[in-house]
């Protein structure tokens, strides 16, 4: 059966979920901003937000988690000594308890009828549990469908983050090896073009015209020095006479005059563009590692806070 026939039934719920997620993120950023700019306590701010927006317990947990991350990001950007970053985390349990006291929470938190407030009276006391009779440690048992303790949940997340970091680090190392090969191919393409009669200045101008000015500034002077060292005689004198490495700044300009790139598929431009793309992939991977490290620091701080309670 093709589920596409019934996709219209899910369109409304999907859009609502997207709006709800964006709204919670906005509320979390508001709480983080108030802490960073005014020093307002995260728990107090989120409690007020929860009351005003009728957030349920799950939504409060999500807002607290995102507010902690946003606050850490803000402190990370402003603090020179990263290892000393510390702040009172937003605690969803505290916020839920405070917000429930207002009576405006959609999840009932007030005590129920006194007849049902405790176990029935007059029943015989329960005997030992089956786990204890079988010599099984209850703390080491699986929780089944019950709630996972907060510490165990954080430890599981830390293990996943460690695996993700290891995978990402391996990808970066692999891409680094690929970049070395691409750099050699780019040098070979530039070398063929220059030995064929082009000057490094012309190659530089063509690269700037193709939008590769940053990669050209980084690589062409190195390629030029390497090629000069490898050549002799008239070819070397020609390369030294037309060298760009002494003053490349004059070519780096948004106003390229009458310079036009006739062949955008030239091997030199293709090779430089490939190096540029691979460099960006590595840069994105390194940013991903920093993001994971930030999240791990927040999780470790949560563990420390839970241990102190």
C-alpha atoms as a PDB file:
ATOM      1  CA  UNK A   1       0.000   0.000   0.000  1.00  0.00           C
ATOM      2  CA  UNK A   2       1.341   3.379  -0.947  1.00  0.00           C
ATOM      3  CA  UNK A   3       1.401   5.623   2.158  1.00  0.00           C
ATOM      4  CA  UNK A   4       1.432   8.657  -0.119  1.00  0.00           C
ATOM      5  CA  UNK A   5      -2.341   8.379  -0.507  1.00  0.00           C
ATOM      6  CA  UNK A   6      -2.758   9.329   3.151  1.00  0.00           C
ATOM      7  CA  UNK A   7       0.038  11.903   3.427  1.00  0.00           C
ATOM      8  CA  UNK A   8      -2.515  14.703   3.654  1.00  0.00           C
ATOM      9  CA  UNK A   9      -3.496  13.384   7.087  1.00  0.00           C
ATOM     10  CA  UNK A  10      -0.002  14.127   8.414  1.00  0.00           C
ATOM     11  CA  UNK A  11       0.567  17.556   6.867  1.00  0.00           C
ATOM     12  CA  UNK A  12      -1.107  19.474   9.689  1.00  0.00           C
ATOM     13  CA  UNK A  13       0.705  17.624  12.475  1.00  0.00           C
ATOM     14  CA  UNK A  14       4.089  18.051  10.776  1.00  0.00           C
ATOM     15  CA  UNK A  15       3.684  21.798  10.436  1.00  0.00           C
ATOM     16  CA  UNK A  16       2.517  22.059  14.060  1.00  0.00           C
ATOM     17  CA  UNK A  17       5.559  20.086  15.242  1.00  0.00           C
ATOM     18  CA  UNK A  18       7.880  22.407  13.306  1.00  0.00           C
ATOM     19  CA  UNK A  19       6.229  25.517  14.728  1.00  0.00           C
ATOM     20  CA  UNK A  20       6.344  24.047  18.246  1.00  0.00           C
ATOM     21  CA  UNK A  21      10.054  23.222  17.959  1.00  0.00           C
ATOM     22  CA  UNK A  22      10.899  26.708  16.665  1.00  0.00           C
ATOM     23  CA  UNK A  23       8.820  28.278  19.440  1.00  0.00           C
ATOM     24  CA  UNK A  24      10.606  26.277  22.157  1.00  0.00           C
ATOM     25  CA  UNK A  25      13.980  27.217  20.685  1.00  0.00           C
ATOM     26  CA  UNK A  26      13.004  30.891  20.710  1.00  0.00           C
ATOM     27  CA  UNK A  27      11.918  30.650  24.375  1.00  0.00           C
ATOM     28  CA  UNK A  28      15.214  28.956  25.295  1.00  0.00           C
ATOM     29  CA  UNK A  29      17.249  31.646  23.530  1.00  0.00           C
ATOM     30  CA  UNK A  30      15.241  34.304  25.392  1.00  0.00           C
ATOM     31  CA  UNK A  31      16.133  32.743  28.752  1.00  0.00           C
ATOM     32  CA  UNK A  32      19.822  32.430  27.786  1.00  0.00           C
ATOM     33  CA  UNK A  33      19.940  36.026  26.575  1.00  0.00           C
ATOM     34  CA  UNK A  34      18.488  37.307  29.854  1.00  0.00           C
ATOM     35  CA  UNK A  35      21.157  35.404  31.799  1.00  0.00           C
ATOM     36  CA  UNK A  36      24.004  36.643  29.587  1.00  0.00           C
ATOM     37  CA  UNK A  37      22.867  40.272  29.500  1.00  0.00           C
ATOM     38  CA  UNK A  38      21.121  40.732  32.861  1.00  0.00           C
ATOM     39  CA  UNK A  39      22.356  37.833  35.001  1.00  0.00           C
ATOM     40  CA  UNK A  40      18.784  36.603  35.432  1.00  0.00           C
ATOM     41  CA  UNK A  41      18.549  33.114  36.935  1.00  0.00           C
ATOM     42  CA  UNK A  42      17.693  30.536  34.271  1.00  0.00           C
ATOM     43  CA  UNK A  43      15.265  28.620  36.491  1.00  0.00           C
ATOM     44  CA  UNK A  44      13.322  31.789  37.367  1.00  0.00           C
ATOM     45  CA  UNK A  45      13.155  32.963  33.768  1.00  0.00           C
ATOM     46  CA  UNK A  46      12.059  29.587  32.391  1.00  0.00           C
ATOM     47  CA  UNK A  47       9.483  29.186  35.177  1.00  0.00           C
ATOM     48  CA  UNK A  48       7.927  32.503  34.168  1.00  0.00           C
ATOM     49  CA  UNK A  49       8.037  31.515  30.500  1.00  0.00           C
ATOM     50  CA  UNK A  50       6.416  28.142  31.295  1.00  0.00           C
ATOM     51  CA  UNK A  51       3.557  29.820  33.152  1.00  0.00           C
ATOM     52  CA  UNK A  52       2.950  32.400  30.457  1.00  0.00           C
ATOM     53  CA  UNK A  53       3.004  29.839  27.624  1.00  0.00           C
ATOM     54  CA  UNK A  54       1.309  26.887  29.389  1.00  0.00           C
ATOM     55  CA  UNK A  55       4.242  24.563  28.710  1.00  0.00           C
ATOM     56  CA  UNK A  56       3.956  20.930  29.731  1.00  0.00           C
ATOM     57  CA  UNK A  57       6.683  18.937  31.493  1.00  0.00           C
ATOM     58  CA  UNK A  58       8.274  17.623  28.275  1.00  0.00           C
ATOM     59  CA  UNK A  59       8.389  21.098  26.757  1.00  0.00           C
ATOM     60  CA  UNK A  60       9.985  22.508  29.929  1.00  0.00           C
ATOM     61  CA  UNK A  61      12.705  19.830  29.802  1.00  0.00           C
ATOM     62  CA  UNK A  62      13.438  20.726  26.181  1.00  0.00           C
ATOM     63  CA  UNK A  63      13.569  24.476  26.905  1.00  0.00           C
ATOM     64  CA  UNK A  64      15.923  23.900  29.861  1.00  0.00           C
ATOM     65  CA  UNK A  65      18.250  21.745  27.762  1.00  0.00           C
ATOM     66  CA  UNK A  66      18.405  24.243  24.881  1.00  0.00           C
ATOM     67  CA  UNK A  67      18.795  27.205  27.273  1.00  0.00           C
ATOM     68  CA  UNK A  68      21.818  25.538  28.893  1.00  0.00           C
ATOM     69  CA  UNK A  69      23.418  24.971  25.497  1.00  0.00           C
ATOM     70  CA  UNK A  70      22.726  28.536  24.314  1.00  0.00           C
ATOM     71  CA  UNK A  71      24.085  29.976  27.575  1.00  0.00           C
ATOM     72  CA  UNK A  72      27.259  27.918  27.281  1.00  0.00           C
ATOM     73  CA  UNK A  73      27.714  29.073  23.676  1.00  0.00           C
ATOM     74  CA  UNK A  74      27.370  32.701  24.762  1.00  0.00           C
ATOM     75  CA  UNK A  75      29.877  32.310  27.609  1.00  0.00           C
ATOM     76  CA  UNK A  76      32.267  30.409  25.338  1.00  0.00           C
ATOM     77  CA  UNK A  77      32.366  33.304  22.897  1.00  0.00           C
ATOM     78  CA  UNK A  78      33.021  35.882  25.631  1.00  0.00           C
ATOM     79  CA  UNK A  79      35.392  33.973  27.948  1.00  0.00           C
ATOM     80  CA  UNK A  80      39.113  33.745  27.280  1.00  0.00           C
ATOM     81  CA  UNK A  81      39.797  30.920  29.748  1.00  0.00           C
ATOM     82  CA  UNK A  82      37.429  28.266  28.398  1.00  0.00           C
ATOM     83  CA  UNK A  83      38.132  25.754  31.160  1.00  0.00           C
ATOM     84  CA  UNK A  84      36.719  28.152  33.791  1.00  0.00           C
ATOM     85  CA  UNK A  85      33.296  28.491  32.175  1.00  0.00           C
ATOM     86  CA  UNK A  86      30.645  27.718  34.780  1.00  0.00           C
ATOM     87  CA  UNK A  87      27.090  28.819  35.417  1.00  0.00           C
ATOM     88  CA  UNK A  88      24.019  27.571  37.350  1.00  0.00           C
ATOM     89  CA  UNK A  89      22.277  25.203  34.970  1.00  0.00           C
ATOM     90  CA  UNK A  90      18.571  25.328  34.304  1.00  0.00           C
ATOM     91  CA  UNK A  91      17.024  22.385  36.207  1.00  0.00           C
ATOM     92  CA  UNK A  92      13.832  21.098  34.594  1.00  0.00           C
ATOM     93  CA  UNK A  93      12.727  19.398  37.841  1.00  0.00           C
ATOM     94  CA  UNK A  94      12.922  22.678  39.756  1.00  0.00           C
ATOM     95  CA  UNK A  95      11.127  24.574  37.006  1.00  0.00           C
ATOM     96  CA  UNK A  96       8.349  21.965  36.742  1.00  0.00           C
ATOM     97  CA  UNK A  97       7.852  22.035  40.509  1.00  0.00           C
ATOM     98  CA  UNK A  98       7.656  25.836  40.579  1.00  0.00           C
ATOM     99  CA  UNK A  99       5.433  26.093  37.528  1.00  0.00           C
ATOM    100  CA  UNK A 100       3.058  23.438  38.823  1.00  0.00           C
ATOM    101  CA  UNK A 101       2.416  25.531  41.887  1.00  0.00           C
ATOM    102  CA  UNK A 102       0.638  28.146  39.748  1.00  0.00           C
ATOM    103  CA  UNK A 103      -2.068  25.735  38.701  1.00  0.00           C
ATOM    104  CA  UNK A 104      -1.642  26.753  35.066  1.00  0.00           C
ATOM    105  CA  UNK A 105       0.350  23.708  33.942  1.00  0.00           C
ATOM    106  CA  UNK A 106      -1.483  21.355  31.588  1.00  0.00           C
ATOM    107  CA  UNK A 107      -0.033  18.379  33.505  1.00  0.00           C
ATOM    108  CA  UNK A 108      -1.760  17.946  36.923  1.00  0.00           C
ATOM    109  CA  UNK A 109       0.730  18.309  39.765  1.00  0.00           C
ATOM    110  CA  UNK A 110      -1.482  19.023  42.783  1.00  0.00           C
ATOM    111  CA  UNK A 111      -2.262  16.238  45.288  1.00  0.00           C
ATOM    112  CA  UNK A 112      -5.218  14.058  44.351  1.00  0.00           C
ATOM    113  CA  UNK A 113      -8.103  13.079  46.591  1.00  0.00           C
ATOM    114  CA  UNK A 114      -6.873  11.954  50.016  1.00  0.00           C
ATOM    115  CA  UNK A 115      -8.607   8.568  49.622  1.00  0.00           C
ATOM    116  CA  UNK A 116      -6.159   7.802  46.822  1.00  0.00           C
ATOM    117  CA  UNK A 117      -3.110   9.574  48.242  1.00  0.00           C
ATOM    118  CA  UNK A 118      -1.536   6.371  49.587  1.00  0.00           C
ATOM    119  CA  UNK A 119      -1.710   2.582  49.377  1.00  0.00           C
ATOM    120  CA  UNK A 120      -4.754   0.723  50.762  1.00  0.00           C
ATOM    121  CA  UNK A 121      -4.669   0.126  54.495  1.00  0.00           C
ATOM    122  CA  UNK A 122      -5.049  -3.194  56.254  1.00  0.00           C
ATOM    123  CA  UNK A 123      -3.288  -5.261  53.599  1.00  0.00           C
ATOM    124  CA  UNK A 124      -0.486  -7.686  54.561  1.00  0.00           C
ATOM    125  CA  UNK A 125       3.055  -6.416  54.180  1.00  0.00           C
ATOM    126  CA  UNK A 126       4.771  -7.454  50.943  1.00  0.00           C
ATOM    127  CA  UNK A 127       7.438 -10.152  51.076  1.00  0.00           C
ATOM    128  CA  UNK A 128      10.920 -10.004  49.570  1.00  0.00           C
ATOM    129  CA  UNK A 129      11.167  -9.202  45.900  1.00  0.00           C
ATOM    130  CA  UNK A 130      11.821 -11.910  43.338  1.00  0.00           C
ATOM    131  CA  UNK A 131      15.071 -10.160  42.349  1.00  0.00           C
ATOM    132  CA  UNK A 132      16.430 -10.300  45.906  1.00  0.00           C
ATOM    133  CA  UNK A 133      15.390 -13.960  46.277  1.00  0.00           C
ATOM    134  CA  UNK A 134      17.298 -14.807  43.091  1.00  0.00           C
ATOM    135  CA  UNK A 135      20.374 -12.839  44.225  1.00  0.00           C
ATOM    136  CA  UNK A 136      20.045 -10.212  41.479  1.00  0.00           C
ATOM    137  CA  UNK A 137      21.295  -6.648  42.024  1.00  0.00           C
ATOM    138  CA  UNK A 138      18.309  -4.342  41.264  1.00  0.00           C
ATOM    139  CA  UNK A 139      20.653  -1.444  40.402  1.00  0.00           C
ATOM    140  CA  UNK A 140      22.260  -3.503  37.656  1.00  0.00           C
ATOM    141  CA  UNK A 141      18.958  -4.654  36.171  1.00  0.00           C
ATOM    142  CA  UNK A 142      17.311  -3.238  33.078  1.00  0.00           C
ATOM    143  CA  UNK A 143      14.725  -0.561  33.796  1.00  0.00           C
ATOM    144  CA  UNK A 144      12.295  -1.882  31.219  1.00  0.00           C
ATOM    145  CA  UNK A 145       9.649   0.706  30.431  1.00  0.00           C
ATOM    146  CA  UNK A 146      10.304   2.791  33.556  1.00  0.00           C
ATOM    147  CA  UNK A 147      12.089   6.156  33.509  1.00  0.00           C
ATOM    148  CA  UNK A 148      15.865   6.034  33.061  1.00  0.00           C
ATOM    149  CA  UNK A 149      17.778   7.751  35.914  1.00  0.00           C
ATOM    150  CA  UNK A 150      19.206  11.120  34.951  1.00  0.00           C
ATOM    151  CA  UNK A 151      22.829  10.087  35.538  1.00  0.00           C
ATOM    152  CA  UNK A 152      22.509   6.972  33.395  1.00  0.00           C
ATOM    153  CA  UNK A 153      20.806   8.980  30.652  1.00  0.00           C
ATOM    154  CA  UNK A 154      23.664  11.504  30.611  1.00  0.00           C
ATOM    155  CA  UNK A 155      26.274   8.721  30.575  1.00  0.00           C
ATOM    156  CA  UNK A 156      24.554   7.110  27.588  1.00  0.00           C
ATOM    157  CA  UNK A 157      24.564  10.465  25.768  1.00  0.00           C
ATOM    158  CA  UNK A 158      28.262  10.949  26.583  1.00  0.00           C
ATOM    159  CA  UNK A 159      29.038   7.530  25.123  1.00  0.00           C
ATOM    160  CA  UNK A 160      27.169   8.438  21.940  1.00  0.00           C
ATOM    161  CA  UNK A 161      29.005  11.770  21.737  1.00  0.00           C
ATOM    162  CA  UNK A 162      32.338   9.976  22.145  1.00  0.00           C
ATOM    163  CA  UNK A 163      31.468   7.601  19.302  1.00  0.00           C
ATOM    164  CA  UNK A 164      30.326  10.505  17.138  1.00  0.00           C
ATOM    165  CA  UNK A 165      33.531  12.411  17.848  1.00  0.00           C
ATOM    166  CA  UNK A 166      35.688   9.401  17.010  1.00  0.00           C
ATOM    167  CA  UNK A 167      33.834   8.910  13.713  1.00  0.00           C
ATOM    168  CA  UNK A 168      34.118  12.597  12.827  1.00  0.00           C
ATOM    169  CA  UNK A 169      37.814  12.663  13.722  1.00  0.00           C
ATOM    170  CA  UNK A 170      38.450   9.672  11.438  1.00  0.00           C
ATOM    171  CA  UNK A 171      36.627  11.435   8.610  1.00  0.00           C
ATOM    172  CA  UNK A 172      38.753  14.561   9.078  1.00  0.00           C
ATOM    173  CA  UNK A 173      41.979  12.530   8.976  1.00  0.00           C
ATOM    174  CA  UNK A 174      40.796  10.763   5.817  1.00  0.00           C
ATOM    175  CA  UNK A 175      39.867  14.062   4.169  1.00  0.00           C
ATOM    176  CA  UNK A 176      43.269  15.448   5.186  1.00  0.00           C
ATOM    177  CA  UNK A 177      44.953  12.622   3.293  1.00  0.00           C
ATOM    178  CA  UNK A 178      42.725  13.332   0.306  1.00  0.00           C
ATOM    179  CA  UNK A 179      43.672  17.021   0.492  1.00  0.00           C
ATOM    180  CA  UNK A 180      47.378  16.189   0.235  1.00  0.00           C
ATOM    181  CA  UNK A 181      46.726  14.260  -2.986  1.00  0.00           C
ATOM    182  CA  UNK A 182      44.594  17.091  -4.389  1.00  0.00           C
ATOM    183  CA  UNK A 183      47.307  19.650  -3.564  1.00  0.00           C
ATOM    184  CA  UNK A 184      49.849  17.618  -5.557  1.00  0.00           C
ATOM    185  CA  UNK A 185      47.457  17.434  -8.517  1.00  0.00           C
ATOM    186  CA  UNK A 186      46.846  21.187  -8.311  1.00  0.00           C
ATOM    187  CA  UNK A 187      50.596  21.877  -8.319  1.00  0.00           C
ATOM    188  CA  UNK A 188      51.044  19.628 -11.356  1.00  0.00           C
ATOM    189  CA  UNK A 189      48.256  21.465 -13.238  1.00  0.00           C
ATOM    190  CA  UNK A 190      49.739  24.882 -12.387  1.00  0.00           C
ATOM    191  CA  UNK A 191      53.232  23.686 -13.315  1.00  0.00           C
ATOM    192  CA  UNK A 192      52.055  22.514 -16.744  1.00  0.00           C
ATOM    193  CA  UNK A 193      50.297  25.809 -17.404  1.00  0.00           C
ATOM    194  CA  UNK A 194      53.324  27.919 -16.390  1.00  0.00           C
ATOM    195  CA  UNK A 195      55.844  25.819 -18.279  1.00  0.00           C
ATOM    196  CA  UNK A 196      53.511  26.052 -21.261  1.00  0.00           C
ATOM    197  CA  UNK A 197      53.974  29.823 -21.378  1.00  0.00           C
ATOM    198  CA  UNK A 198      51.549  31.281 -18.817  1.00  0.00           C
ATOM    199  CA  UNK A 199      52.834  33.391 -15.939  1.00  0.00           C
ATOM    200  CA  UNK A 200      51.916  32.923 -12.294  1.00  0.00           C
ATOM    201  CA  UNK A 201      50.389  36.392 -12.381  1.00  0.00           C
ATOM    202  CA  UNK A 202      48.018  35.304 -15.161  1.00  0.00           C
ATOM    203  CA  UNK A 203      47.115  32.162 -13.223  1.00  0.00           C
ATOM    204  CA  UNK A 204      46.508  34.328 -10.148  1.00  0.00           C
ATOM    205  CA  UNK A 205      44.246  36.701 -12.064  1.00  0.00           C
ATOM    206  CA  UNK A 206      42.253  33.826 -13.566  1.00  0.00           C
ATOM    207  CA  UNK A 207      41.779  32.259 -10.120  1.00  0.00           C
ATOM    208  CA  UNK A 208      40.573  35.600  -8.708  1.00  0.00           C
ATOM    209  CA  UNK A 209      38.155  35.964 -11.599  1.00  0.00           C
ATOM    210  CA  UNK A 210      36.746  32.499 -10.818  1.00  0.00           C
ATOM    211  CA  UNK A 211      36.162  33.428  -7.168  1.00  0.00           C
ATOM    212  CA  UNK A 212      39.126  31.404  -5.887  1.00  0.00           C
ATOM    213  CA  UNK A 213      41.158  34.347  -4.611  1.00  0.00           C
ATOM    214  CA  UNK A 214      41.571  33.002  -1.055  1.00  0.00           C
ATOM    215  CA  UNK A 215      42.814  29.603  -2.160  1.00  0.00           C
ATOM    216  CA  UNK A 216      45.071  31.297  -4.747  1.00  0.00           C
ATOM    217  CA  UNK A 217      46.645  33.532  -2.063  1.00  0.00           C
ATOM    218  CA  UNK A 218      47.351  30.448   0.042  1.00  0.00           C
ATOM    219  CA  UNK A 219      48.706  28.077  -2.586  1.00  0.00           C
ATOM    220  CA  UNK A 220      50.069  29.928  -5.639  1.00  0.00           C
ATOM    221  CA  UNK A 221      53.005  31.618  -3.844  1.00  0.00           C
ATOM    222  CA  UNK A 222      54.026  28.190  -2.458  1.00  0.00           C
ATOM    223  CA  UNK A 223      53.670  26.590  -5.892  1.00  0.00           C
ATOM    224  CA  UNK A 224      55.745  29.402  -7.364  1.00  0.00           C
ATOM    225  CA  UNK A 225      58.611  28.961  -4.894  1.00  0.00           C
ATOM    226  CA  UNK A 226      58.566  25.201  -5.383  1.00  0.00           C
ATOM    227  CA  UNK A 227      58.650  25.483  -9.181  1.00  0.00           C
ATOM    228  CA  UNK A 228      61.485  28.046  -9.136  1.00  0.00           C
ATOM    229  CA  UNK A 229      63.551  25.682  -6.989  1.00  0.00           C
ATOM    230  CA  UNK A 230      62.913  22.836  -9.427  1.00  0.00           C
ATOM    231  CA  UNK A 231      63.897  24.754 -12.597  1.00  0.00           C
ATOM    232  CA  UNK A 232      67.138  26.185 -13.925  1.00  0.00           C
ATOM    233  CA  UNK A 233      68.455  28.439 -16.682  1.00  0.00           C
ATOM    234  CA  UNK A 234      66.185  30.675 -18.747  1.00  0.00           C
ATOM    235  CA  UNK A 235      62.985  29.162 -17.352  1.00  0.00           C
ATOM    236  CA  UNK A 236      64.048  29.986 -13.802  1.00  0.00           C
ATOM    237  CA  UNK A 237      65.017  33.545 -14.727  1.00  0.00           C
ATOM    238  CA  UNK A 238      61.617  34.037 -16.405  1.00  0.00           C
ATOM    239  CA  UNK A 239      59.779  32.766 -13.320  1.00  0.00           C
ATOM    240  CA  UNK A 240      61.811  34.985 -10.973  1.00  0.00           C
ATOM    241  CA  UNK A 241      61.203  38.013 -13.189  1.00  0.00           C
ATOM    242  CA  UNK A 242      57.423  37.538 -13.221  1.00  0.00           C
ATOM    243  CA  UNK A 243      57.105  36.366  -9.616  1.00  0.00           C
ATOM    244  CA  UNK A 244      53.884  37.239  -7.761  1.00  0.00           C
ATOM    245  CA  UNK A 245      54.950  36.216  -4.294  1.00  0.00           C
ATOM    246  CA  UNK A 246      56.571  39.576  -3.567  1.00  0.00           C
ATOM    247  CA  UNK A 247      53.402  41.670  -3.855  1.00  0.00           C
ATOM    248  CA  UNK A 248      50.246  39.597  -4.462  1.00  0.00           C
ATOM    249  CA  UNK A 249      48.020  42.068  -2.588  1.00  0.00           C
ATOM    250  CA  UNK A 250      47.631  44.312  -5.618  1.00  0.00           C
ATOM    251  CA  UNK A 251      45.798  41.552  -7.443  1.00  0.00           C
ATOM    252  CA  UNK A 252      43.334  40.834  -4.658  1.00  0.00           C
ATOM    253  CA  UNK A 253      40.544  43.229  -5.409  1.00  0.00           C
ATOM    254  CA  UNK A 254      36.818  43.172  -6.062  1.00  0.00           C
ATOM    255  CA  UNK A 255      37.486  45.343  -9.121  1.00  0.00           C
ATOM    256  CA  UNK A 256      39.128  43.013 -11.629  1.00  0.00           C
ATOM    257  CA  UNK A 257      39.092  45.494 -14.499  1.00  0.00           C
ATOM    258  CA  UNK A 258      38.947  43.832 -17.904  1.00  0.00           C
ATOM    259  CA  UNK A 259      40.085  40.431 -16.679  1.00  0.00           C
ATOM    260  CA  UNK A 260      37.807  37.649 -17.962  1.00  0.00           C
ATOM    261  CA  UNK A 261      37.954  33.920 -17.390  1.00  0.00           C
ATOM    262  CA  UNK A 262      37.613  32.434 -20.876  1.00  0.00           C
ATOM    263  CA  UNK A 263      37.699  28.772 -19.874  1.00  0.00           C
ATOM    264  CA  UNK A 264      36.191  28.079 -16.451  1.00  0.00           C
ATOM    265  CA  UNK A 265      36.869  24.351 -16.952  1.00  0.00           C
ATOM    266  CA  UNK A 266      40.620  24.858 -17.282  1.00  0.00           C
ATOM    267  CA  UNK A 267      42.522  22.132 -15.351  1.00  0.00           C
ATOM    268  CA  UNK A 268      44.194  24.746 -13.143  1.00  0.00           C
ATOM    269  CA  UNK A 269      40.889  26.301 -12.015  1.00  0.00           C
ATOM    270  CA  UNK A 270      39.258  22.892 -11.610  1.00  0.00           C
ATOM    271  CA  UNK A 271      42.120  21.644  -9.434  1.00  0.00           C
ATOM    272  CA  UNK A 272      42.149  24.780  -7.262  1.00  0.00           C
ATOM    273  CA  UNK A 273      38.371  24.580  -6.854  1.00  0.00           C
ATOM    274  CA  UNK A 274      38.671  20.933  -5.778  1.00  0.00           C
ATOM    275  CA  UNK A 275      41.283  21.863  -3.166  1.00  0.00           C
ATOM    276  CA  UNK A 276      39.013  24.666  -1.965  1.00  0.00           C
ATOM    277  CA  UNK A 277      36.034  22.314  -1.556  1.00  0.00           C
ATOM    278  CA  UNK A 278      38.037  19.735   0.349  1.00  0.00           C
ATOM    279  CA  UNK A 279      39.455  22.447   2.630  1.00  0.00           C
ATOM    280  CA  UNK A 280      35.913  23.597   3.436  1.00  0.00           C
ATOM    281  CA  UNK A 281      34.899  20.011   4.249  1.00  0.00           C
ATOM    282  CA  UNK A 282      37.773  19.732   6.721  1.00  0.00           C
ATOM    283  CA  UNK A 283      36.907  23.116   8.240  1.00  0.00           C
ATOM    284  CA  UNK A 284      33.285  22.033   8.738  1.00  0.00           C
ATOM    285  CA  UNK A 285      34.471  18.823  10.375  1.00  0.00           C
ATOM    286  CA  UNK A 286      36.662  20.742  12.823  1.00  0.00           C
ATOM    287  CA  UNK A 287      33.723  22.981  13.704  1.00  0.00           C
ATOM    288  CA  UNK A 288      31.696  19.831  14.348  1.00  0.00           C
ATOM    289  CA  UNK A 289      34.371  18.621  16.779  1.00  0.00           C
ATOM    290  CA  UNK A 290      34.213  21.923  18.666  1.00  0.00           C
ATOM    291  CA  UNK A 291      30.419  21.656  18.864  1.00  0.00           C
ATOM    292  CA  UNK A 292      30.643  18.130  20.306  1.00  0.00           C
ATOM    293  CA  UNK A 293      33.275  19.252  22.831  1.00  0.00           C
ATOM    294  CA  UNK A 294      30.991  22.091  23.977  1.00  0.00           C
ATOM    295  CA  UNK A 295      28.058  19.705  24.441  1.00  0.00           C
ATOM    296  CA  UNK A 296      30.247  17.225  26.351  1.00  0.00           C
ATOM    297  CA  UNK A 297      31.383  19.959  28.752  1.00  0.00           C
ATOM    298  CA  UNK A 298      27.752  20.818  29.521  1.00  0.00           C
ATOM    299  CA  UNK A 299      26.920  17.150  30.123  1.00  0.00           C
ATOM    300  CA  UNK A 300      29.914  16.761  32.466  1.00  0.00           C
ATOM    301  CA  UNK A 301      28.758  19.824  34.388  1.00  0.00           C
ATOM    302  CA  UNK A 302      25.299  18.245  34.717  1.00  0.00           C
ATOM    303  CA  UNK A 303      26.899  15.104  36.144  1.00  0.00           C
ATOM    304  CA  UNK A 304      28.867  17.160  38.677  1.00  0.00           C
ATOM    305  CA  UNK A 305      25.721  19.018  39.720  1.00  0.00           C
ATOM    306  CA  UNK A 306      23.832  15.737  40.159  1.00  0.00           C
ATOM    307  CA  UNK A 307      26.699  14.282  42.232  1.00  0.00           C
ATOM    308  CA  UNK A 308      26.634  17.264  44.594  1.00  0.00           C
ATOM    309  CA  UNK A 309      22.928  16.839  45.362  1.00  0.00           C
END
